[in-house]
Amino acid sequence: MMPLTMARAGDTVTIRKINGKDETRQHLAAMGFVECGLVTVVSELAGNLILQVKESRIALDRSMANRIMI
């Protein structure tokens, strides 16, 4: 497993695990980041990511993206 920040633009990856406190995991789940879910990296700038999750595009900073393992 590796953090989501290691994925490159254009990659579609499967979420394996989400680290962090329950509150953080629930917040990410509310945005569509769930285990076994697919995420496409739209673009990356300095570790910050724009992601396609289902039909939505979401921006995550580097610290939050590092909690999502693929």
N, C-alpha and C. Protein backbone atom coordinates (compact mmCIF):
# COMPACT_ATOMS: atom_id res chain seq x y z
N MET A 1 0.84 -1.19 0.00
CA MET A 1 0.00 0.00 0.00
C MET A 1 0.88 1.25 0.00
N MET A 2 0.35 2.31 -0.58
CA MET A 2 1.06 3.59 -0.60
C MET A 2 0.03 4.71 -0.49
N PRO A 3 0.46 5.90 -0.07
CA PRO A 3 -0.50 7.00 0.06
C PRO A 3 -0.97 7.50 -1.31
N LEU A 4 -2.15 8.09 -1.32
CA LEU A 4 -2.74 8.61 -2.55
C LEU A 4 -1.85 9.65 -3.21
N THR A 5 -1.04 10.34 -2.44
CA THR A 5 -0.16 11.37 -3.02
C THR A 5 0.88 10.78 -3.99
N MET A 6 1.08 9.47 -3.95
CA MET A 6 2.03 8.82 -4.85
C MET A 6 1.44 8.55 -6.23
N ALA A 7 0.12 8.66 -6.38
CA ALA A 7 -0.52 8.44 -7.68
C ALA A 7 -0.25 9.64 -8.58
N ARG A 8 -0.21 9.40 -9.88
CA ARG A 8 0.05 10.46 -10.85
C ARG A 8 -1.24 10.88 -11.54
N ALA A 9 -1.20 12.05 -12.15
CA ALA A 9 -2.36 12.55 -12.88
C ALA A 9 -2.77 11.55 -13.96
N GLY A 10 -4.06 11.25 -14.01
CA GLY A 10 -4.58 10.30 -14.98
C GLY A 10 -4.76 8.90 -14.42
N ASP A 11 -4.14 8.60 -13.27
CA ASP A 11 -4.27 7.28 -12.66
C ASP A 11 -5.64 7.11 -12.02
N THR A 12 -6.23 5.93 -12.20
CA THR A 12 -7.43 5.55 -11.47
C THR A 12 -7.02 4.46 -10.50
N VAL A 13 -7.28 4.70 -9.22
CA VAL A 13 -6.81 3.79 -8.17
C VAL A 13 -7.98 3.38 -7.28
N THR A 14 -7.76 2.28 -6.53
CA THR A 14 -8.74 1.79 -5.58
C THR A 14 -8.27 2.10 -4.17
N ILE A 15 -9.16 2.65 -3.36
CA ILE A 15 -8.82 2.97 -1.97
C ILE A 15 -8.79 1.67 -1.17
N ARG A 16 -7.68 1.41 -0.49
CA ARG A 16 -7.51 0.19 0.32
C ARG A 16 -7.80 0.45 1.79
N LYS A 17 -7.40 1.63 2.29
CA LYS A 17 -7.56 1.93 3.70
C LYS A 17 -7.52 3.43 3.90
N ILE A 18 -8.23 3.90 4.94
CA ILE A 18 -8.19 5.31 5.28
C ILE A 18 -7.73 5.42 6.73
N ASN A 19 -6.62 6.12 6.95
CA ASN A 19 -6.06 6.29 8.29
C ASN A 19 -6.57 7.57 8.92
N GLY A 20 -6.48 7.63 10.23
CA GLY A 20 -6.85 8.85 10.95
C GLY A 20 -7.92 8.59 11.98
N LYS A 21 -8.32 9.66 12.65
CA LYS A 21 -9.36 9.57 13.68
C LYS A 21 -10.70 9.27 13.03
N ASP A 22 -11.64 8.80 13.84
CA ASP A 22 -12.98 8.49 13.34
C ASP A 22 -13.61 9.70 12.65
N GLU A 23 -13.42 10.87 13.23
CA GLU A 23 -13.99 12.09 12.66
C GLU A 23 -13.45 12.35 11.26
N THR A 24 -12.16 12.16 11.08
CA THR A 24 -11.53 12.37 9.77
C THR A 24 -12.04 11.35 8.76
N ARG A 25 -12.11 10.09 9.16
CA ARG A 25 -12.58 9.04 8.26
C ARG A 25 -14.04 9.27 7.86
N GLN A 26 -14.86 9.72 8.80
CA GLN A 26 -16.26 9.99 8.50
C GLN A 26 -16.39 11.16 7.54
N HIS A 27 -15.56 12.18 7.73
CA HIS A 27 -15.58 13.34 6.82
C HIS A 27 -15.22 12.93 5.40
N LEU A 28 -14.17 12.12 5.26
CA LEU A 28 -13.77 11.64 3.93
C LEU A 28 -14.84 10.74 3.33
N ALA A 29 -15.47 9.89 4.15
CA ALA A 29 -16.53 9.00 3.65
C ALA A 29 -17.71 9.82 3.14
N ALA A 30 -18.02 10.92 3.81
CA ALA A 30 -19.12 11.78 3.37
C ALA A 30 -18.85 12.41 2.01
N MET A 31 -17.57 12.56 1.67
CA MET A 31 -17.19 13.11 0.36
C MET A 31 -17.07 12.02 -0.70
N GLY A 32 -17.22 10.75 -0.30
CA GLY A 32 -17.15 9.66 -1.27
C GLY A 32 -15.90 8.82 -1.20
N PHE A 33 -15.00 9.13 -0.28
CA PHE A 33 -13.76 8.35 -0.14
C PHE A 33 -14.02 7.18 0.79
N VAL A 34 -14.34 6.04 0.22
CA VAL A 34 -14.62 4.84 1.01
C VAL A 34 -13.72 3.70 0.54
N GLU A 35 -13.47 2.73 1.42
CA GLU A 35 -12.64 1.59 1.06
C GLU A 35 -13.25 0.85 -0.11
N CYS A 36 -12.43 0.40 -1.02
CA CYS A 36 -12.79 -0.29 -2.26
C CYS A 36 -13.41 0.65 -3.30
N GLY A 37 -13.44 1.95 -3.02
CA GLY A 37 -13.96 2.92 -3.99
C GLY A 37 -12.88 3.32 -4.98
N LEU A 38 -13.31 3.72 -6.17
CA LEU A 38 -12.37 4.16 -7.20
C LEU A 38 -12.22 5.68 -7.18
N VAL A 39 -10.98 6.12 -7.39
CA VAL A 39 -10.66 7.55 -7.42
C VAL A 39 -9.74 7.78 -8.61
N THR A 40 -10.01 8.84 -9.37
CA THR A 40 -9.14 9.21 -10.48
C THR A 40 -8.44 10.52 -10.14
N VAL A 41 -7.12 10.54 -10.32
CA VAL A 41 -6.35 11.76 -10.08
C VAL A 41 -6.45 12.63 -11.32
N VAL A 42 -7.07 13.79 -11.18
CA VAL A 42 -7.23 14.72 -12.30
C VAL A 42 -5.96 15.53 -12.48
N SER A 43 -5.47 16.11 -11.38
CA SER A 43 -4.21 16.86 -11.45
C SER A 43 -3.55 16.91 -10.07
N GLU A 44 -2.26 17.28 -10.09
CA GLU A 44 -1.47 17.33 -8.86
C GLU A 44 -0.56 18.54 -8.92
N LEU A 45 -0.49 19.28 -7.80
CA LEU A 45 0.40 20.42 -7.72
C LEU A 45 0.96 20.49 -6.31
N ALA A 46 2.25 20.28 -6.17
CA ALA A 46 2.94 20.32 -4.87
C ALA A 46 2.32 19.37 -3.85
N GLY A 47 1.85 18.22 -4.30
CA GLY A 47 1.27 17.24 -3.39
C GLY A 47 -0.21 17.40 -3.16
N ASN A 48 -0.77 18.55 -3.51
CA ASN A 48 -2.20 18.77 -3.41
C ASN A 48 -2.87 18.18 -4.64
N LEU A 49 -4.01 17.52 -4.45
CA LEU A 49 -4.64 16.77 -5.54
C LEU A 49 -6.04 17.26 -5.86
N ILE A 50 -6.39 17.19 -7.14
CA ILE A 50 -7.77 17.32 -7.57
C ILE A 50 -8.18 15.93 -8.03
N LEU A 51 -9.25 15.40 -7.44
CA LEU A 51 -9.65 14.02 -7.65
C LEU A 51 -11.07 13.93 -8.18
N GLN A 52 -11.30 12.93 -9.01
CA GLN A 52 -12.64 12.61 -9.49
C GLN A 52 -13.14 11.43 -8.66
N VAL A 53 -14.20 11.67 -7.88
CA VAL A 53 -14.81 10.64 -7.05
C VAL A 53 -16.27 10.55 -7.46
N LYS A 54 -16.63 9.40 -8.03
CA LYS A 54 -17.96 9.23 -8.61
C LYS A 54 -18.18 10.33 -9.64
N GLU A 55 -19.17 11.20 -9.48
CA GLU A 55 -19.40 12.27 -10.47
C GLU A 55 -18.92 13.63 -9.99
N SER A 56 -18.12 13.67 -8.93
CA SER A 56 -17.67 14.94 -8.35
C SER A 56 -16.16 15.09 -8.43
N ARG A 57 -15.73 16.34 -8.52
CA ARG A 57 -14.30 16.65 -8.43
C ARG A 57 -14.06 17.30 -7.07
N ILE A 58 -13.05 16.79 -6.38
CA ILE A 58 -12.75 17.25 -5.02
C ILE A 58 -11.27 17.55 -4.92
N ALA A 59 -10.95 18.66 -4.25
CA ALA A 59 -9.55 19.02 -4.00
C ALA A 59 -9.18 18.60 -2.59
N LEU A 60 -8.03 17.93 -2.45
CA LEU A 60 -7.51 17.54 -1.14
C LEU A 60 -6.10 18.05 -0.98
N ASP A 61 -5.79 18.54 0.22
CA ASP A 61 -4.41 18.96 0.46
C ASP A 61 -3.55 17.73 0.74
N ARG A 62 -2.26 17.94 0.75
CA ARG A 62 -1.31 16.84 0.88
C ARG A 62 -1.51 16.04 2.17
N SER A 63 -1.75 16.71 3.30
CA SER A 63 -1.89 16.00 4.57
C SER A 63 -3.11 15.08 4.57
N MET A 64 -4.21 15.51 3.99
CA MET A 64 -5.41 14.68 3.94
C MET A 64 -5.22 13.54 2.94
N ALA A 65 -4.61 13.80 1.80
CA ALA A 65 -4.38 12.77 0.79
C ALA A 65 -3.43 11.70 1.30
N ASN A 66 -2.51 12.05 2.19
CA ASN A 66 -1.58 11.07 2.75
C ASN A 66 -2.29 10.06 3.67
N ARG A 67 -3.47 10.37 4.13
CA ARG A 67 -4.22 9.44 5.00
C ARG A 67 -4.96 8.38 4.20
N ILE A 68 -5.10 8.60 2.90
CA ILE A 68 -5.80 7.64 2.04
C ILE A 68 -4.77 6.72 1.41
N MET A 69 -4.89 5.44 1.70
CA MET A 69 -3.93 4.45 1.20
C MET A 69 -4.52 3.72 0.00
N ILE A 70 -3.68 3.53 -1.03
CA ILE A 70 -4.12 2.83 -2.25
C ILE A 70 -3.28 1.60 -2.47
